[in-house]
């Protein structure tokens, strides 16, 4: 089964509304035509979502939130709900980024509730999974990743899991000087896919898309996409310029053509 590949970027706490409009104006023509082979998304700050919705409205680039609450409404000061993201034009939501885990007390039990809320609202969760450097040194990386995934997806059906994007982001590689090696990342993706097969069945395992993030750049991105178990690239600062995102999208588009020649 050929999976549709993905190119995406999360902007973190960068790029305001006016800059978002300029970014989209430059990016849209640069990625025109890629939509035939690649799904593309950007995750702006919440205050830039309205501008992103307008700016990307005529392009194939989808938008999403960087986080969400597990309730649809309520006394949660400063939070945002899945229905609110949908109303803002979002198709995606990122969950369990390492910065949320490290600095804001996020747990995968809470992430499970957020996954449930997002899927119920029709959003596509981008579920981040990643080991620490200590996990890697102790040789428990795959066990950690599978535990994270299993807890976060515990309430999902096989059909729902097929529509969730898994983002493997080793915590020691995010914002670092070097990414994981492509071979190392591919091994983690294969392990996760085997775990999906064991828990949700072979069809879900064949359909679920697992993308890599963690110090990805236009210089190293092509090496990751040589591995068929890597279904796309999830990029940070290297895609905070439209030129950078366009370079990443082109890498993914070339991989899509190679994997599914017409």
Protein backbone atom coordinates (compact mmCIF):
# COMPACT_ATOMS: atom_id res chain seq x y z
CA UNK A 1 0.00 0.00 0.00
CA UNK A 2 1.34 3.40 -1.01
CA UNK A 3 0.89 6.01 1.70
CA UNK A 4 0.48 9.66 0.80
CA UNK A 5 3.56 11.55 1.97
CA UNK A 6 3.60 14.64 4.18
CA UNK A 7 5.62 17.85 4.50
CA UNK A 8 4.87 19.97 7.53
CA UNK A 9 6.25 22.63 9.82
CA UNK A 10 5.49 23.91 13.31
CA UNK A 11 6.25 27.57 13.88
CA UNK A 12 6.35 27.45 17.70
CA UNK A 13 6.13 31.00 19.13
CA UNK A 14 7.18 32.69 15.90
CA UNK A 15 5.66 34.41 12.86
CA UNK A 16 2.85 36.82 13.63
CA UNK A 17 -0.23 37.55 11.55
CA UNK A 18 1.31 40.04 9.12
CA UNK A 19 4.36 37.81 8.58
CA UNK A 20 2.04 34.84 8.04
CA UNK A 21 0.37 36.59 5.12
CA UNK A 22 3.76 37.35 3.55
CA UNK A 23 4.93 33.76 4.15
CA UNK A 24 1.86 32.31 2.44
CA UNK A 25 2.09 34.67 -0.51
CA UNK A 26 5.65 33.51 -1.16
CA UNK A 27 5.04 29.82 -0.42
CA UNK A 28 1.88 29.14 -2.44
CA UNK A 29 3.43 29.53 -5.91
CA UNK A 30 6.58 27.69 -4.82
CA UNK A 31 4.66 24.52 -3.91
CA UNK A 32 2.02 24.68 -6.64
CA UNK A 33 1.66 21.21 -8.13
CA UNK A 34 3.04 19.35 -5.13
CA UNK A 35 -0.50 18.73 -3.86
CA UNK A 36 -0.91 15.90 -6.36
CA UNK A 37 1.60 13.84 -4.37
CA UNK A 38 2.07 15.43 -0.94
CA UNK A 39 -0.04 16.65 1.98
CA UNK A 40 1.35 19.91 3.34
CA UNK A 41 0.62 21.74 6.57
CA UNK A 42 1.79 24.63 8.73
CA UNK A 43 1.12 25.03 12.44
CA UNK A 44 1.10 28.75 13.27
CA UNK A 45 0.68 30.33 16.72
CA UNK A 46 -2.97 30.64 17.70
CA UNK A 47 -2.98 34.40 17.06
CA UNK A 48 -1.87 33.80 13.46
CA UNK A 49 -4.50 31.16 12.61
CA UNK A 50 -7.03 33.65 11.23
CA UNK A 51 -4.39 35.19 8.96
CA UNK A 52 -3.19 31.72 7.92
CA UNK A 53 -6.73 30.61 7.07
CA UNK A 54 -7.17 33.58 4.77
CA UNK A 55 -3.68 33.48 3.30
CA UNK A 56 -3.66 29.76 2.50
CA UNK A 57 -7.31 29.55 1.43
CA UNK A 58 -6.51 29.13 -2.26
CA UNK A 59 -3.54 26.81 -1.75
CA UNK A 60 -3.19 23.14 -0.86
CA UNK A 61 -1.42 23.95 2.41
CA UNK A 62 -3.52 23.01 5.44
CA UNK A 63 -3.25 24.69 8.82
CA UNK A 64 -3.38 23.33 12.34
CA UNK A 65 -3.00 24.17 16.01
CA UNK A 66 0.08 23.54 18.12
CA UNK A 67 -1.91 22.25 21.08
CA UNK A 68 -5.49 21.77 22.27
CA UNK A 69 -7.46 21.13 25.47
CA UNK A 70 -9.32 17.89 26.05
CA UNK A 71 -12.66 19.57 26.82
CA UNK A 72 -14.92 21.17 24.21
CA UNK A 73 -15.62 24.14 26.50
CA UNK A 74 -15.41 25.12 30.15
CA UNK A 75 -13.55 27.09 32.79
CA UNK A 76 -10.10 26.60 31.31
CA UNK A 77 -8.54 30.05 31.22
CA UNK A 78 -6.05 30.51 28.41
CA UNK A 79 -6.91 27.23 26.69
CA UNK A 80 -8.41 26.45 23.28
CA UNK A 81 -10.74 23.61 22.30
CA UNK A 82 -10.96 21.31 19.28
CA UNK A 83 -14.23 22.90 18.06
CA UNK A 84 -12.53 26.30 18.27
CA UNK A 85 -9.65 25.04 16.12
CA UNK A 86 -12.10 23.65 13.58
CA UNK A 87 -13.94 26.98 13.54
CA UNK A 88 -10.59 28.71 12.93
CA UNK A 89 -10.09 26.58 9.81
CA UNK A 90 -7.71 23.97 11.23
CA UNK A 91 -7.44 20.47 9.84
CA UNK A 92 -4.60 19.33 12.10
CA UNK A 93 -3.46 19.61 15.70
CA UNK A 94 -0.03 18.80 17.13
CA UNK A 95 0.01 16.90 20.41
CA UNK A 96 2.75 15.88 22.88
CA UNK A 97 5.60 17.96 21.52
CA UNK A 98 8.66 17.50 23.72
CA UNK A 99 8.54 21.13 24.85
CA UNK A 100 5.03 20.56 26.21
CA UNK A 101 6.27 17.50 28.08
CA UNK A 102 9.40 19.17 29.45
CA UNK A 103 8.14 22.63 30.37
CA UNK A 104 4.39 22.34 30.90
CA UNK A 105 3.88 19.05 32.68
CA UNK A 106 2.25 17.30 29.73
CA UNK A 107 1.71 13.56 30.16
CA UNK A 108 0.60 10.93 27.68
CA UNK A 109 -2.46 10.28 29.83
CA UNK A 110 -3.52 13.86 29.17
CA UNK A 111 -2.49 13.48 25.55
CA UNK A 112 -4.83 10.49 25.28
CA UNK A 113 -7.74 12.75 26.25
CA UNK A 114 -6.61 15.35 23.73
CA UNK A 115 -6.39 12.74 20.96
CA UNK A 116 -9.94 11.67 21.80
CA UNK A 117 -11.19 15.27 21.66
CA UNK A 118 -9.39 16.03 18.42
CA UNK A 119 -10.62 12.96 16.56
CA UNK A 120 -14.18 13.53 17.81
CA UNK A 121 -14.08 17.03 16.33
CA UNK A 122 -12.75 15.80 12.98
CA UNK A 123 -9.19 17.07 13.42
CA UNK A 124 -6.18 15.00 12.38
CA UNK A 125 -3.86 14.64 15.39
CA UNK A 126 -0.12 14.83 14.77
CA UNK A 127 1.02 12.73 17.72
CA UNK A 128 4.63 13.34 18.71
CA UNK A 129 6.63 10.43 20.12
CA UNK A 130 10.23 10.58 21.25
CA UNK A 131 12.83 9.17 23.60
CA UNK A 132 15.23 11.13 25.79
CA UNK A 133 18.98 10.83 25.51
CA UNK A 134 18.93 8.78 28.69
CA UNK A 135 16.38 6.38 27.17
CA UNK A 136 18.63 5.97 24.16
CA UNK A 137 21.71 5.27 26.27
CA UNK A 138 19.85 2.65 28.30
CA UNK A 139 18.68 0.89 25.14
CA UNK A 140 14.96 1.26 25.87
CA UNK A 141 14.02 3.59 23.01
CA UNK A 142 11.51 1.32 21.29
CA UNK A 143 9.83 0.36 24.56
CA UNK A 144 9.44 4.05 25.44
CA UNK A 145 8.00 4.95 22.04
CA UNK A 146 5.55 2.06 22.04
CA UNK A 147 4.41 2.87 25.59
CA UNK A 148 3.80 6.49 24.59
CA UNK A 149 1.88 5.50 21.49
CA UNK A 150 -0.16 2.80 23.21
CA UNK A 151 -1.28 5.13 25.99
CA UNK A 152 -2.12 8.02 23.67
CA UNK A 153 -4.12 5.81 21.28
CA UNK A 154 -5.72 3.56 23.89
CA UNK A 155 -9.27 4.71 23.11
CA UNK A 156 -8.97 4.74 19.33
CA UNK A 157 -10.33 2.18 16.88
CA UNK A 158 -8.25 0.71 14.08
CA UNK A 159 -10.02 2.96 11.57
CA UNK A 160 -9.31 6.05 13.66
CA UNK A 161 -5.65 5.12 14.12
CA UNK A 162 -5.26 4.92 10.35
CA UNK A 163 -6.08 8.64 10.14
CA UNK A 164 -3.71 9.79 12.89
CA UNK A 165 -0.22 11.00 11.95
CA UNK A 166 2.59 9.75 14.16
CA UNK A 167 5.58 12.09 14.37
CA UNK A 168 8.77 10.45 15.59
CA UNK A 169 10.81 13.24 17.16
CA UNK A 170 13.72 12.04 19.32
CA UNK A 171 13.81 14.55 22.15
CA UNK A 172 17.59 14.70 22.08
CA UNK A 173 17.56 15.80 18.41
CA UNK A 174 15.02 18.64 18.58
CA UNK A 175 16.79 21.95 18.12
CA UNK A 176 20.14 20.16 18.27
CA UNK A 177 23.13 20.43 15.98
CA UNK A 178 22.50 16.99 14.49
CA UNK A 179 19.46 14.89 13.66
CA UNK A 180 19.12 11.18 14.21
CA UNK A 181 20.68 9.21 11.38
CA UNK A 182 18.22 8.16 8.68
CA UNK A 183 18.86 4.48 9.44
CA UNK A 184 18.19 5.02 13.15
CA UNK A 185 14.96 6.89 12.40
CA UNK A 186 13.80 4.23 9.94
CA UNK A 187 14.35 1.52 12.56
CA UNK A 188 12.15 3.42 15.02
CA UNK A 189 9.45 3.83 12.38
CA UNK A 190 9.54 0.12 11.63
CA UNK A 191 9.23 -0.70 15.33
CA UNK A 192 6.23 1.62 15.69
CA UNK A 193 4.56 0.11 12.63
CA UNK A 194 5.01 -3.39 14.03
CA UNK A 195 3.41 -2.21 17.27
CA UNK A 196 0.46 -0.75 15.35
CA UNK A 197 0.11 -4.09 13.57
CA UNK A 198 0.07 -5.97 16.88
CA UNK A 199 -2.43 -3.62 18.55
CA UNK A 200 -4.68 -2.47 15.70
CA UNK A 201 -4.14 -4.89 12.84
CA UNK A 202 -2.23 -5.07 9.57
CA UNK A 203 -4.51 -2.69 7.67
CA UNK A 204 -4.01 0.11 10.21
CA UNK A 205 -0.26 -0.56 10.20
CA UNK A 206 -0.14 -0.30 6.42
CA UNK A 207 -2.16 2.92 6.39
CA UNK A 208 -0.81 4.91 9.33
CA UNK A 209 1.70 7.57 8.35
CA UNK A 210 4.82 8.07 10.46
CA UNK A 211 6.86 11.19 9.79
CA UNK A 212 10.26 12.23 11.13
CA UNK A 213 11.11 15.47 12.90
CA UNK A 214 14.17 16.64 14.78
CA UNK A 215 16.82 18.94 13.24
CA UNK A 216 15.62 18.24 9.69
CA UNK A 217 16.97 20.58 7.03
CA UNK A 218 16.96 20.74 3.23
CA UNK A 219 20.51 19.36 3.41
CA UNK A 220 19.66 16.13 5.24
CA UNK A 221 16.00 15.68 4.35
CA UNK A 222 16.52 13.64 1.18
CA UNK A 223 18.47 10.97 3.07
CA UNK A 224 15.50 10.38 5.38
CA UNK A 225 13.11 10.10 2.45
CA UNK A 226 15.18 7.30 0.93
CA UNK A 227 13.58 5.03 3.55
CA UNK A 228 10.09 3.84 2.62
CA UNK A 229 9.02 3.59 6.27
CA UNK A 230 9.49 7.36 6.66
CA UNK A 231 6.33 8.96 5.32
CA UNK A 232 7.36 12.59 5.45
CA UNK A 233 9.24 15.34 7.22
CA UNK A 234 8.14 17.52 10.13
CA UNK A 235 10.42 20.53 10.21
CA UNK A 236 11.06 23.36 12.62
CA UNK A 237 13.28 26.37 12.02
CA UNK A 238 14.52 25.18 8.62
CA UNK A 239 10.98 25.79 7.30
CA UNK A 240 10.28 29.10 9.03
CA UNK A 241 11.01 30.79 5.73
CA UNK A 242 8.83 30.01 2.70
CA UNK A 243 11.95 29.09 0.75
CA UNK A 244 12.92 26.55 3.40
CA UNK A 245 9.47 24.96 3.44
CA UNK A 246 9.39 24.83 -0.36
CA UNK A 247 12.75 23.01 -0.36
CA UNK A 248 11.43 20.44 2.13
CA UNK A 249 8.19 19.97 0.19
CA UNK A 250 10.18 19.42 -3.01
CA UNK A 251 12.26 16.71 -1.31
CA UNK A 252 9.11 14.93 -0.15
CA UNK A 253 7.45 15.33 -3.56
CA UNK A 254 10.44 13.72 -5.29
CA UNK A 255 10.23 10.80 -2.86
CA UNK A 256 6.51 10.44 -3.59
CA UNK A 257 7.19 10.25 -7.32
CA UNK A 258 9.91 7.67 -6.78
CA UNK A 259 7.65 5.49 -4.60
CA UNK A 260 4.62 5.78 -6.86
CA UNK A 261 5.75 6.35 -10.45
CA UNK A 262 2.95 7.01 -12.89
